[in-house]
PDB file of N, CA and C in Angstrom:
ATOM      1  N   UNK A   1     114.005  65.802  74.730  1.00  0.00           N
ATOM      2  CA  UNK A   1     114.027  67.073  75.754  1.00  0.00           C
ATOM      3  C   UNK A   1     115.132  67.931  75.617  1.00  0.00           C
ATOM      4  N   UNK A   2     115.081  69.162  75.548  1.00  0.00           N
ATOM      5  CA  UNK A   2     116.258  70.447  75.405  1.00  0.00           C
ATOM      6  C   UNK A   2     116.630  70.727  76.764  1.00  0.00           C
ATOM      7  N   UNK A   3     117.641  70.805  76.966  1.00  0.00           N
ATOM      8  CA  UNK A   3     118.353  71.467  78.154  1.00  0.00           C
ATOM      9  C   UNK A   3     119.197  72.745  77.934  1.00  0.00           C
ATOM     10  N   UNK A   4     119.194  73.645  78.869  1.00  0.00           N
ATOM     11  CA  UNK A   4     120.065  74.923  78.694  1.00  0.00           C
ATOM     12  C   UNK A   4     120.971  75.046  79.882  1.00  0.00           C
ATOM     13  N   UNK A   5     122.139  75.605  79.595  1.00  0.00           N
ATOM     14  CA  UNK A   5     123.029  75.855  80.772  1.00  0.00           C
ATOM     15  C   UNK A   5     123.214  77.489  80.556  1.00  0.00           C
ATOM     16  N   UNK A   6     123.351  78.139  81.814  1.00  0.00           N
ATOM     17  CA  UNK A   6     123.552  79.445  81.697  1.00  0.00           C
ATOM     18  C   UNK A   6     124.801  79.499  82.680  1.00  0.00           C
ATOM     19  N   UNK A   7     125.671  80.103  82.357  1.00  0.00           N
ATOM     20  CA  UNK A   7     126.801  80.253  83.403  1.00  0.00           C
ATOM     21  C   UNK A   7     126.930  82.033  83.511  1.00  0.00           C
ATOM     22  N   UNK A   8     126.807  82.389  84.877  1.00  0.00           N
ATOM     23  CA  UNK A   8     126.717  83.841  85.137  1.00  0.00           C
ATOM     24  C   UNK A   8     128.112  83.955  85.865  1.00  0.00           C
ATOM     25  N   UNK A   9     128.995  84.993  85.162  1.00  0.00           N
ATOM     26  CA  UNK A   9     130.360  85.305  85.885  1.00  0.00           C
ATOM     27  C   UNK A   9     129.918  87.157  85.669  1.00  0.00           C
ATOM     28  N   UNK A  10     130.000  87.370  86.766  1.00  0.00           N
ATOM     29  CA  UNK A  10     129.680  88.857  87.567  1.00  0.00           C
ATOM     30  C   UNK A  10     130.987  89.784  86.940  1.00  0.00           C
ATOM     31  N   UNK A  11     130.483  90.955  86.545  1.00  0.00           N
ATOM     32  CA  UNK A  11     131.734  92.001  86.234  1.00  0.00           C
ATOM     33  C   UNK A  11     132.378  91.981  87.743  1.00  0.00           C
ATOM     34  N   UNK A  12     133.705  92.433  87.717  1.00  0.00           N
ATOM     35  CA  UNK A  12     134.513  92.627  88.889  1.00  0.00           C
ATOM     36  C   UNK A  12     135.072  94.032  88.811  1.00  0.00           C
ATOM     37  N   UNK A  13     135.273  94.586  90.138  1.00  0.00           N
ATOM     38  CA  UNK A  13     136.208  95.686  90.003  1.00  0.00           C
ATOM     39  C   UNK A  13     137.283  95.567  90.775  1.00  0.00           C
ATOM     40  N   UNK A  14     138.580  95.752  90.555  1.00  0.00           N
ATOM     41  CA  UNK A  14     139.915  95.629  91.202  1.00  0.00           C
ATOM     42  C   UNK A  14     140.292  96.621  92.155  1.00  0.00           C
ATOM     43  N   UNK A  15     140.488  96.399  93.019  1.00  0.00           N
ATOM     44  CA  UNK A  15     140.990  97.531  94.131  1.00  0.00           C
ATOM     45  C   UNK A  15     142.420  96.893  94.874  1.00  0.00           C
ATOM     46  N   UNK A  16     143.030  97.613  95.527  1.00  0.00           N
ATOM     47  CA  UNK A  16     144.297  97.161  96.473  1.00  0.00           C
ATOM     48  C   UNK A  16     144.228  98.022  97.754  1.00  0.00           C
ATOM     49  N   UNK A  17     144.862  97.231  98.805  1.00  0.00           N
ATOM     50  CA  UNK A  17     144.971  97.742  99.947  1.00  0.00           C
ATOM     51  C   UNK A  17     146.297  97.210 100.667  1.00  0.00           C
ATOM     52  N   UNK A  18     146.460  97.896 101.713  1.00  0.00           N
ATOM     53  CA  UNK A  18     147.536  97.368 102.648  1.00  0.00           C
ATOM     54  C   UNK A  18     146.800  97.028 103.979  1.00  0.00           C
ATOM     55  N   UNK A  19     147.080  95.956 104.324  1.00  0.00           N
ATOM     56  CA  UNK A  19     146.250  95.560 105.784  1.00  0.00           C
ATOM     57  C   UNK A  19     147.243  94.341 106.383  1.00  0.00           C
ATOM     58  N   UNK A  20     146.795  94.030 107.725  1.00  0.00           N
ATOM     59  CA  UNK A  20     147.346  92.876 108.274  1.00  0.00           C
ATOM     60  C   UNK A  20     146.935  91.475 107.920  1.00  0.00           C
ATOM     61  N   UNK A  21     147.656  90.776 107.677  1.00  0.00           N
ATOM     62  CA  UNK A  21     147.520  89.473 107.269  1.00  0.00           C
ATOM     63  C   UNK A  21     147.661  88.296 108.206  1.00  0.00           C
ATOM     64  N   UNK A  22     146.657  87.894 108.556  1.00  0.00           N
ATOM     65  CA  UNK A  22     146.759  86.635 109.888  1.00  0.00           C
ATOM     66  C   UNK A  22     147.505  85.689 109.452  1.00  0.00           C
ATOM     67  N   UNK A  23     147.625  85.268 108.278  1.00  0.00           N
ATOM     68  CA  UNK A  23     148.577  84.157 107.935  1.00  0.00           C
ATOM     69  C   UNK A  23     150.361  84.547 108.152  1.00  0.00           C
ATOM     70  N   UNK A  24     150.596  85.685 107.193  1.00  0.00           N
ATOM     71  CA  UNK A  24     151.877  86.257 107.470  1.00  0.00           C
ATOM     72  C   UNK A  24     152.417  86.931 108.660  1.00  0.00           C
ATOM     73  N   UNK A  25     151.336  87.237 109.719  1.00  0.00           N
ATOM     74  CA  UNK A  25     151.444  87.889 110.867  1.00  0.00           C
ATOM     75  C   UNK A  25     151.953  89.301 110.501  1.00  0.00           C
ATOM     76  N   UNK A  26     151.828  89.951 109.573  1.00  0.00           N
ATOM     77  CA  UNK A  26     152.180  91.296 109.328  1.00  0.00           C
ATOM     78  C   UNK A  26     151.239  92.154 108.283  1.00  0.00           C
ATOM     79  N   UNK A  27     151.600  93.762 108.077  1.00  0.00           N
ATOM     80  CA  UNK A  27     151.029  94.075 107.295  1.00  0.00           C
ATOM     81  C   UNK A  27     151.611  93.585 105.927  1.00  0.00           C
ATOM     82  N   UNK A  28     150.816  93.569 104.743  1.00  0.00           N
ATOM     83  CA  UNK A  28     150.829  93.059 103.452  1.00  0.00           C
ATOM     84  C   UNK A  28     150.034  93.678 102.312  1.00  0.00           C
ATOM     85  N   UNK A  29     150.356  93.768 101.079  1.00  0.00           N
ATOM     86  CA  UNK A  29     149.791  94.286 100.036  1.00  0.00           C
ATOM     87  C   UNK A  29     148.717  93.108  99.856  1.00  0.00           C
ATOM     88  N   UNK A  30     147.548  93.680  99.565  1.00  0.00           N
ATOM     89  CA  UNK A  30     146.345  92.714  99.043  1.00  0.00           C
ATOM     90  C   UNK A  30     145.523  93.324  98.166  1.00  0.00           C
ATOM     91  N   UNK A  31     145.230  92.290  97.166  1.00  0.00           N
ATOM     92  CA  UNK A  31     144.447  92.600  96.124  1.00  0.00           C
ATOM     93  C   UNK A  31     142.919  92.512  96.411  1.00  0.00           C
ATOM     94  N   UNK A  32     142.103  93.102  95.887  1.00  0.00           N
ATOM     95  CA  UNK A  32     140.700  92.801  96.206  1.00  0.00           C
ATOM     96  C   UNK A  32     139.824  92.735  94.731  1.00  0.00           C
ATOM     97  N   UNK A  33     139.092  91.784  94.532  1.00  0.00           N
ATOM     98  CA  UNK A  33     138.204  91.405  93.524  1.00  0.00           C
ATOM     99  C   UNK A  33     136.597  91.745  94.077  1.00  0.00           C
ATOM    100  N   UNK A  34     136.082  92.898  93.601  1.00  0.00           N
ATOM    101  CA  UNK A  34     134.904  93.200  94.303  1.00  0.00           C
ATOM    102  C   UNK A  34     133.716  92.725  92.859  1.00  0.00           C
ATOM    103  N   UNK A  35     132.542  91.756  93.630  1.00  0.00           N
ATOM    104  CA  UNK A  35     131.348  91.829  92.605  1.00  0.00           C
ATOM    105  C   UNK A  35     130.378  92.299  93.118  1.00  0.00           C
ATOM    106  N   UNK A  36     129.256  92.834  92.482  1.00  0.00           N
ATOM    107  CA  UNK A  36     128.283  93.607  92.959  1.00  0.00           C
ATOM    108  C   UNK A  36     127.551  92.894  93.787  1.00  0.00           C
ATOM    109  N   UNK A  37     127.004  91.581  93.408  1.00  0.00           N
ATOM    110  CA  UNK A  37     126.248  90.710  94.310  1.00  0.00           C
ATOM    111  C   UNK A  37     126.737  89.706  94.901  1.00  0.00           C
ATOM    112  N   UNK A  38     127.903  89.614  95.129  1.00  0.00           N
ATOM    113  CA  UNK A  38     128.769  88.606  95.967  1.00  0.00           C
ATOM    114  C   UNK A  38     129.940  89.777  96.935  1.00  0.00           C
ATOM    115  N   UNK A  39     130.118  88.743  98.018  1.00  0.00           N
ATOM    116  CA  UNK A  39     131.232  89.427  98.769  1.00  0.00           C
ATOM    117  C   UNK A  39     132.457  89.721  98.278  1.00  0.00           C
ATOM    118  N   UNK A  40     133.392  90.453  98.707  1.00  0.00           N
ATOM    119  CA  UNK A  40     134.864  91.121  97.868  1.00  0.00           C
ATOM    120  C   UNK A  40     135.487  89.656  98.294  1.00  0.00           C
ATOM    121  N   UNK A  41     136.504  89.282  97.241  1.00  0.00           N
ATOM    122  CA  UNK A  41     137.503  88.492  97.363  1.00  0.00           C
ATOM    123  C   UNK A  41     139.025  89.072  97.827  1.00  0.00           C
ATOM    124  N   UNK A  42     139.549  88.962  98.964  1.00  0.00           N
ATOM    125  CA  UNK A  42     140.685  89.548  99.220  1.00  0.00           C
ATOM    126  C   UNK A  42     141.809  88.613  99.357  1.00  0.00           C
ATOM    127  N   UNK A  43     143.191  88.789  98.707  1.00  0.00           N
ATOM    128  CA  UNK A  43     143.972  87.945  98.467  1.00  0.00           C
ATOM    129  C   UNK A  43     145.295  88.573  98.967  1.00  0.00           C
ATOM    130  N   UNK A  44     146.119  88.101  99.786  1.00  0.00           N
ATOM    131  CA  UNK A  44     147.545  88.437 100.182  1.00  0.00           C
ATOM    132  C   UNK A  44     148.555  88.555  99.079  1.00  0.00           C
ATOM    133  N   UNK A  45     149.287  89.497  98.935  1.00  0.00           N
ATOM    134  CA  UNK A  45     150.138  89.184  97.948  1.00  0.00           C
ATOM    135  C   UNK A  45     151.482  88.472  98.506  1.00  0.00           C
ATOM    136  N   UNK A  46     151.459  88.321  99.691  1.00  0.00           N
ATOM    137  CA  UNK A  46     152.541  87.523 100.213  1.00  0.00           C
ATOM    138  C   UNK A  46     152.731  86.398 100.257  1.00  0.00           C
ATOM    139  N   UNK A  47     151.818  85.707 100.635  1.00  0.00           N
ATOM    140  CA  UNK A  47     151.303  84.247 100.934  1.00  0.00           C
ATOM    141  C   UNK A  47     150.406  83.652 100.103  1.00  0.00           C
ATOM    142  N   UNK A  48     149.542  84.286  99.347  1.00  0.00           N
ATOM    143  CA  UNK A  48     148.455  84.034  98.410  1.00  0.00           C
ATOM    144  C   UNK A  48     147.177  83.576  99.135  1.00  0.00           C
ATOM    145  N   UNK A  49     147.049  83.348 100.491  1.00  0.00           N
ATOM    146  CA  UNK A  49     145.678  83.050 101.189  1.00  0.00           C
ATOM    147  C   UNK A  49     144.490  84.132 100.686  1.00  0.00           C
ATOM    148  N   UNK A  50     143.391  83.648 100.478  1.00  0.00           N
ATOM    149  CA  UNK A  50     142.443  84.648 100.319  1.00  0.00           C
ATOM    150  C   UNK A  50     141.096  84.626 101.343  1.00  0.00           C
ATOM    151  N   UNK A  51     140.518  85.488 101.485  1.00  0.00           N
ATOM    152  CA  UNK A  51     139.478  85.751 102.528  1.00  0.00           C
ATOM    153  C   UNK A  51     138.243  86.228 101.553  1.00  0.00           C
ATOM    154  N   UNK A  52     136.836  85.739 101.826  1.00  0.00           N
ATOM    155  CA  UNK A  52     135.684  86.161 101.556  1.00  0.00           C
ATOM    156  C   UNK A  52     134.763  86.271 102.881  1.00  0.00           C
ATOM    157  N   UNK A  53     134.073  87.644 103.042  1.00  0.00           N
ATOM    158  CA  UNK A  53     133.089  87.868 103.838  1.00  0.00           C
ATOM    159  C   UNK A  53     133.919  87.415 105.257  1.00  0.00           C
ATOM    160  N   UNK A  54     135.239  87.941 105.707  1.00  0.00           N
ATOM    161  CA  UNK A  54     135.895  87.654 106.660  1.00  0.00           C
ATOM    162  C   UNK A  54     136.266  86.291 106.990  1.00  0.00           C
ATOM    163  N   UNK A  55     136.226  85.401 106.284  1.00  0.00           N
ATOM    164  CA  UNK A  55     136.659  83.830 106.311  1.00  0.00           C
ATOM    165  C   UNK A  55     137.346  83.514 105.332  1.00  0.00           C
ATOM    166  N   UNK A  56     138.688  82.713 105.820  1.00  0.00           N
ATOM    167  CA  UNK A  56     139.746  82.399 105.078  1.00  0.00           C
ATOM    168  C   UNK A  56     139.000  81.528 104.071  1.00  0.00           C
ATOM    169  N   UNK A  57     139.398  81.623 102.889  1.00  0.00           N
ATOM    170  CA  UNK A  57     138.767  80.390 101.755  1.00  0.00           C
ATOM    171  C   UNK A  57     139.819  79.231 101.872  1.00  0.00           C
ATOM    172  N   UNK A  58     139.051  78.101 101.513  1.00  0.00           N
ATOM    173  CA  UNK A  58     139.795  76.845 101.232  1.00  0.00           C
ATOM    174  C   UNK A  58     141.108  76.991 100.535  1.00  0.00           C
ATOM    175  N   UNK A  59     142.089  76.141 100.749  1.00  0.00           N
ATOM    176  CA  UNK A  59     143.376  76.229 100.058  1.00  0.00           C
ATOM    177  C   UNK A  59     143.250  74.804  99.406  1.00  0.00           C
ATOM    178  N   UNK A  60     143.471  75.189  98.146  1.00  0.00           N
ATOM    179  CA  UNK A  60     143.641  73.987  96.914  1.00  0.00           C
ATOM    180  C   UNK A  60     144.498  72.900  97.549  1.00  0.00           C
ATOM    181  N   UNK A  61     144.098  71.572  97.158  1.00  0.00           N
ATOM    182  CA  UNK A  61     144.941  70.398  97.598  1.00  0.00           C
ATOM    183  C   UNK A  61     145.729  70.234  96.317  1.00  0.00           C
ATOM    184  N   UNK A  62     146.565  70.783  96.070  1.00  0.00           N
ATOM    185  CA  UNK A  62     147.415  70.580  94.748  1.00  0.00           C
ATOM    186  C   UNK A  62     148.950  71.657  94.935  1.00  0.00           C
ATOM    187  N   UNK A  63     149.867  70.878  94.177  1.00  0.00           N
ATOM    188  CA  UNK A  63     151.100  71.404  94.213  1.00  0.00           C
ATOM    189  C   UNK A  63     151.012  72.857  93.458  1.00  0.00           C
ATOM    190  N   UNK A  64     151.828  73.761  94.174  1.00  0.00           N
ATOM    191  CA  UNK A  64     152.071  75.054  93.344  1.00  0.00           C
ATOM    192  C   UNK A  64     150.962  75.828  93.559  1.00  0.00           C
ATOM    193  N   UNK A  65     149.950  75.705  94.134  1.00  0.00           N
ATOM    194  CA  UNK A  65     148.811  76.686  94.256  1.00  0.00           C
ATOM    195  C   UNK A  65     149.296  78.044  94.891  1.00  0.00           C
ATOM    196  N   UNK A  66     150.193  77.926  95.907  1.00  0.00           N
ATOM    197  CA  UNK A  66     150.376  79.396  96.591  1.00  0.00           C
ATOM    198  C   UNK A  66     151.062  80.084  95.769  1.00  0.00           C
ATOM    199  N   UNK A  67     152.351  79.565  94.759  1.00  0.00           N
ATOM    200  CA  UNK A  67     152.812  80.453  94.058  1.00  0.00           C
ATOM    201  C   UNK A  67     151.951  81.136  92.898  1.00  0.00           C
ATOM    202  N   UNK A  68     151.014  80.377  92.553  1.00  0.00           N
ATOM    203  CA  UNK A  68     149.999  80.965  91.611  1.00  0.00           C
ATOM    204  C   UNK A  68     149.144  81.805  91.903  1.00  0.00           C
ATOM    205  N   UNK A  69     148.617  81.480  93.025  1.00  0.00           N
ATOM    206  CA  UNK A  69     147.827  82.645  93.985  1.00  0.00           C
ATOM    207  C   UNK A  69     148.557  83.754  94.021  1.00  0.00           C
ATOM    208  N   UNK A  70     149.871  83.824  94.659  1.00  0.00           N
ATOM    209  CA  UNK A  70     150.747  85.047  94.702  1.00  0.00           C
ATOM    210  C   UNK A  70     150.680  85.808  93.536  1.00  0.00           C
ATOM    211  N   UNK A  71     151.136  85.113  92.442  1.00  0.00           N
ATOM    212  CA  UNK A  71     151.447  85.863  91.140  1.00  0.00           C
ATOM    213  C   UNK A  71     150.120  86.445  90.431  1.00  0.00           C
ATOM    214  N   UNK A  72     149.023  85.836  90.685  1.00  0.00           N
ATOM    215  CA  UNK A  72     147.680  86.323  90.356  1.00  0.00           C
ATOM    216  C   UNK A  72     147.452  87.582  91.229  1.00  0.00           C
ATOM    217  N   UNK A  73     147.677  87.588  92.635  1.00  0.00           N
ATOM    218  CA  UNK A  73     147.325  88.657  93.596  1.00  0.00           C
ATOM    219  C   UNK A  73     148.296  89.909  93.065  1.00  0.00           C
ATOM    220  N   UNK A  74     149.647  89.752  92.888  1.00  0.00           N
ATOM    221  CA  UNK A  74     150.505  90.606  92.551  1.00  0.00           C
ATOM    222  C   UNK A  74     150.131  91.156  90.881  1.00  0.00           C
ATOM    223  N   UNK A  75     149.606  90.420  90.062  1.00  0.00           N
ATOM    224  CA  UNK A  75     149.089  91.047  88.628  1.00  0.00           C
ATOM    225  C   UNK A  75     147.874  92.005  89.070  1.00  0.00           C
ATOM    226  N   UNK A  76     147.160  91.536  89.946  1.00  0.00           N
ATOM    227  CA  UNK A  76     145.670  92.255  90.171  1.00  0.00           C
ATOM    228  C   UNK A  76     146.174  93.843  90.597  1.00  0.00           C
ATOM    229  N   UNK A  77     147.271  93.597  91.829  1.00  0.00           N
ATOM    230  CA  UNK A  77     147.582  94.766  92.292  1.00  0.00           C
ATOM    231  C   UNK A  77     148.217  95.811  91.424  1.00  0.00           C
ATOM    232  N   UNK A  78     148.880  95.481  90.532  1.00  0.00           N
ATOM    233  CA  UNK A  78     149.333  96.300  89.524  1.00  0.00           C
ATOM    234  C   UNK A  78     148.084  96.903  88.648  1.00  0.00           C
ATOM    235  N   UNK A  79     147.308  95.764  88.267  1.00  0.00           N
ATOM    236  CA  UNK A  79     146.001  96.391  87.144  1.00  0.00           C
ATOM    237  C   UNK A  79     145.177  97.166  87.877  1.00  0.00           C
ATOM    238  N   UNK A  80     145.057  97.180  89.192  1.00  0.00           N
ATOM    239  CA  UNK A  80     144.231  97.914  90.034  1.00  0.00           C
ATOM    240  C   UNK A  80     144.603  99.442  90.173  1.00  0.00           C
ATOM    241  N   UNK A  81     145.958  99.466  90.192  1.00  0.00           N
ATOM    242  CA  UNK A  81     146.340 101.006  90.198  1.00  0.00           C
ATOM    243  C   UNK A  81     145.802 101.599  91.441  1.00  0.00           C
ATOM    244  N   UNK A  82     146.297 102.909  91.623  1.00  0.00           N
ATOM    245  CA  UNK A  82     145.383 103.632  92.787  1.00  0.00           C
ATOM    246  C   UNK A  82     143.745 103.617  92.617  1.00  0.00           C
ATOM    247  N   UNK A  83     143.297 103.805  93.687  1.00  0.00           N
ATOM    248  CA  UNK A  83     141.840 104.026  93.712  1.00  0.00           C
ATOM    249  C   UNK A  83     141.150 104.949  92.943  1.00  0.00           C
ATOM    250  N   UNK A  84     140.361 104.855  92.108  1.00  0.00           N
ATOM    251  CA  UNK A  84     139.739 106.083  91.188  1.00  0.00           C
ATOM    252  C   UNK A  84     138.118 105.824  91.662  1.00  0.00           C
ATOM    253  N   UNK A  85     137.935 107.013  92.426  1.00  0.00           N
ATOM    254  CA  UNK A  85     136.455 106.998  92.746  1.00  0.00           C
ATOM    255  C   UNK A  85     135.436 107.052  91.653  1.00  0.00           C
ATOM    256  N   UNK A  86     135.602 107.945  90.522  1.00  0.00           N
ATOM    257  CA  UNK A  86     134.961 107.860  89.505  1.00  0.00           C
ATOM    258  C   UNK A  86     134.651 106.689  88.792  1.00  0.00           C
ATOM    259  N   UNK A  87     135.941 105.950  88.796  1.00  0.00           N
ATOM    260  CA  UNK A  87     135.643 104.493  88.123  1.00  0.00           C
ATOM    261  C   UNK A  87     134.941 103.606  88.709  1.00  0.00           C
ATOM    262  N   UNK A  88     134.988 103.747  90.290  1.00  0.00           N
ATOM    263  CA  UNK A  88     134.279 103.006  90.921  1.00  0.00           C
ATOM    264  C   UNK A  88     132.691 103.206  90.844  1.00  0.00           C
ATOM    265  N   UNK A  89     132.325 104.350  91.008  1.00  0.00           N
ATOM    266  CA  UNK A  89     130.987 104.979  90.995  1.00  0.00           C
ATOM    267  C   UNK A  89     130.486 104.603  89.493  1.00  0.00           C
ATOM    268  N   UNK A  90     131.174 104.660  88.441  1.00  0.00           N
ATOM    269  CA  UNK A  90     130.860 104.390  87.169  1.00  0.00           C
ATOM    270  C   UNK A  90     130.306 102.825  86.879  1.00  0.00           C
ATOM    271  N   UNK A  91     131.459 101.916  87.517  1.00  0.00           N
ATOM    272  CA  UNK A  91     131.147 100.529  87.562  1.00  0.00           C
ATOM    273  C   UNK A  91     130.052 100.261  88.261  1.00  0.00           C
ATOM    274  N   UNK A  92     129.723 100.537  89.490  1.00  0.00           N
ATOM    275  CA  UNK A  92     128.535 100.456  90.147  1.00  0.00           C
ATOM    276  C   UNK A  92     127.353 100.806  89.680  1.00  0.00           C
ATOM    277  N   UNK A  93     127.342 102.099  88.874  1.00  0.00           N
ATOM    278  CA  UNK A  93     126.158 102.337  88.260  1.00  0.00           C
ATOM    279  C   UNK A  93     125.766 101.574  87.110  1.00  0.00           C
ATOM    280  N   UNK A  94     126.939 101.168  86.759  1.00  0.00           N
ATOM    281  CA  UNK A  94     126.688 100.111  85.520  1.00  0.00           C
ATOM    282  C   UNK A  94     125.950  98.824  86.066  1.00  0.00           C
ATOM    283  N   UNK A  95     126.328  98.308  87.145  1.00  0.00           N
ATOM    284  CA  UNK A  95     125.983  96.975  87.956  1.00  0.00           C
ATOM    285  C   UNK A  95     124.555  97.090  88.382  1.00  0.00           C
ATOM    286  N   UNK A  96     124.102  98.305  88.700  1.00  0.00           N
ATOM    287  CA  UNK A  96     122.980  98.458  89.047  1.00  0.00           C
ATOM    288  C   UNK A  96     121.709  98.687  88.183  1.00  0.00           C
ATOM    289  N   UNK A  97     122.302  99.345  86.887  1.00  0.00           N
ATOM    290  CA  UNK A  97     121.741  99.536  85.680  1.00  0.00           C
ATOM    291  C   UNK A  97     121.174  98.123  84.945  1.00  0.00           C
ATOM    292  N   UNK A  98     122.144  97.192  84.793  1.00  0.00           N
ATOM    293  CA  UNK A  98     121.926  95.945  84.458  1.00  0.00           C
ATOM    294  C   UNK A  98     120.942  95.431  85.508  1.00  0.00           C
ATOM    295  N   UNK A  99     121.000  95.293  86.617  1.00  0.00           N
ATOM    296  CA  UNK A  99     120.028  94.841  87.502  1.00  0.00           C
ATOM    297  C   UNK A  99     118.643  95.274  87.057  1.00  0.00           C
ATOM    298  N   UNK A 100     118.603  96.566  86.952  1.00  0.00           N
ATOM    299  CA  UNK A 100     116.955  97.369  86.585  1.00  0.00           C
ATOM    300  C   UNK A 100     116.640  96.719  85.222  1.00  0.00           C
ATOM    301  N   UNK A 101     117.408  96.612  84.460  1.00  0.00           N
ATOM    302  CA  UNK A 101     116.991  96.113  83.027  1.00  0.00           C
ATOM    303  C   UNK A 101     116.977  94.651  82.945  1.00  0.00           C
ATOM    304  N   UNK A 102     117.186  93.738  83.923  1.00  0.00           N
ATOM    305  CA  UNK A 102     117.102  92.471  83.690  1.00  0.00           C
ATOM    306  C   UNK A 102     118.426  91.725  83.194  1.00  0.00           C
ATOM    307  N   UNK A 103     119.530  92.466  83.334  1.00  0.00           N
ATOM    308  CA  UNK A 103     120.936  91.828  82.889  1.00  0.00           C
ATOM    309  C   UNK A 103     121.014  92.230  81.586  1.00  0.00           C
ATOM    310  N   UNK A 104     120.113  93.009  80.635  1.00  0.00           N
ATOM    311  CA  UNK A 104     120.409  93.066  79.343  1.00  0.00           C
ATOM    312  C   UNK A 104     121.405  93.783  78.862  1.00  0.00           C
ATOM    313  N   UNK A 105     122.063  94.516  79.706  1.00  0.00           N
ATOM    314  CA  UNK A 105     123.087  95.580  79.079  1.00  0.00           C
ATOM    315  C   UNK A 105     124.358  94.826  79.061  1.00  0.00           C
TER     316      UNK A 105
END
């Protein structure tokens, strides 16, 4: 018997914002990873906590996770740059086109 495994990793669009962090109790920079078929994952550049669909995500049970999450969020913040509406529209159209042709693009 042959078995197959398919791993799907959707394309993500990086954005950034400044908003209130419930953990830090003040306004902070946040990186946002948006995938077309999933809720956005928002991560605080100050404390490393993340939220998806309005709920705080689980914190890993391992040493050093917070420093790693902060470093990644800050790198995403820099990579996102200022919001570019044309780039967003192009990315979104590509995601919808992939859905229409069965993901072949």
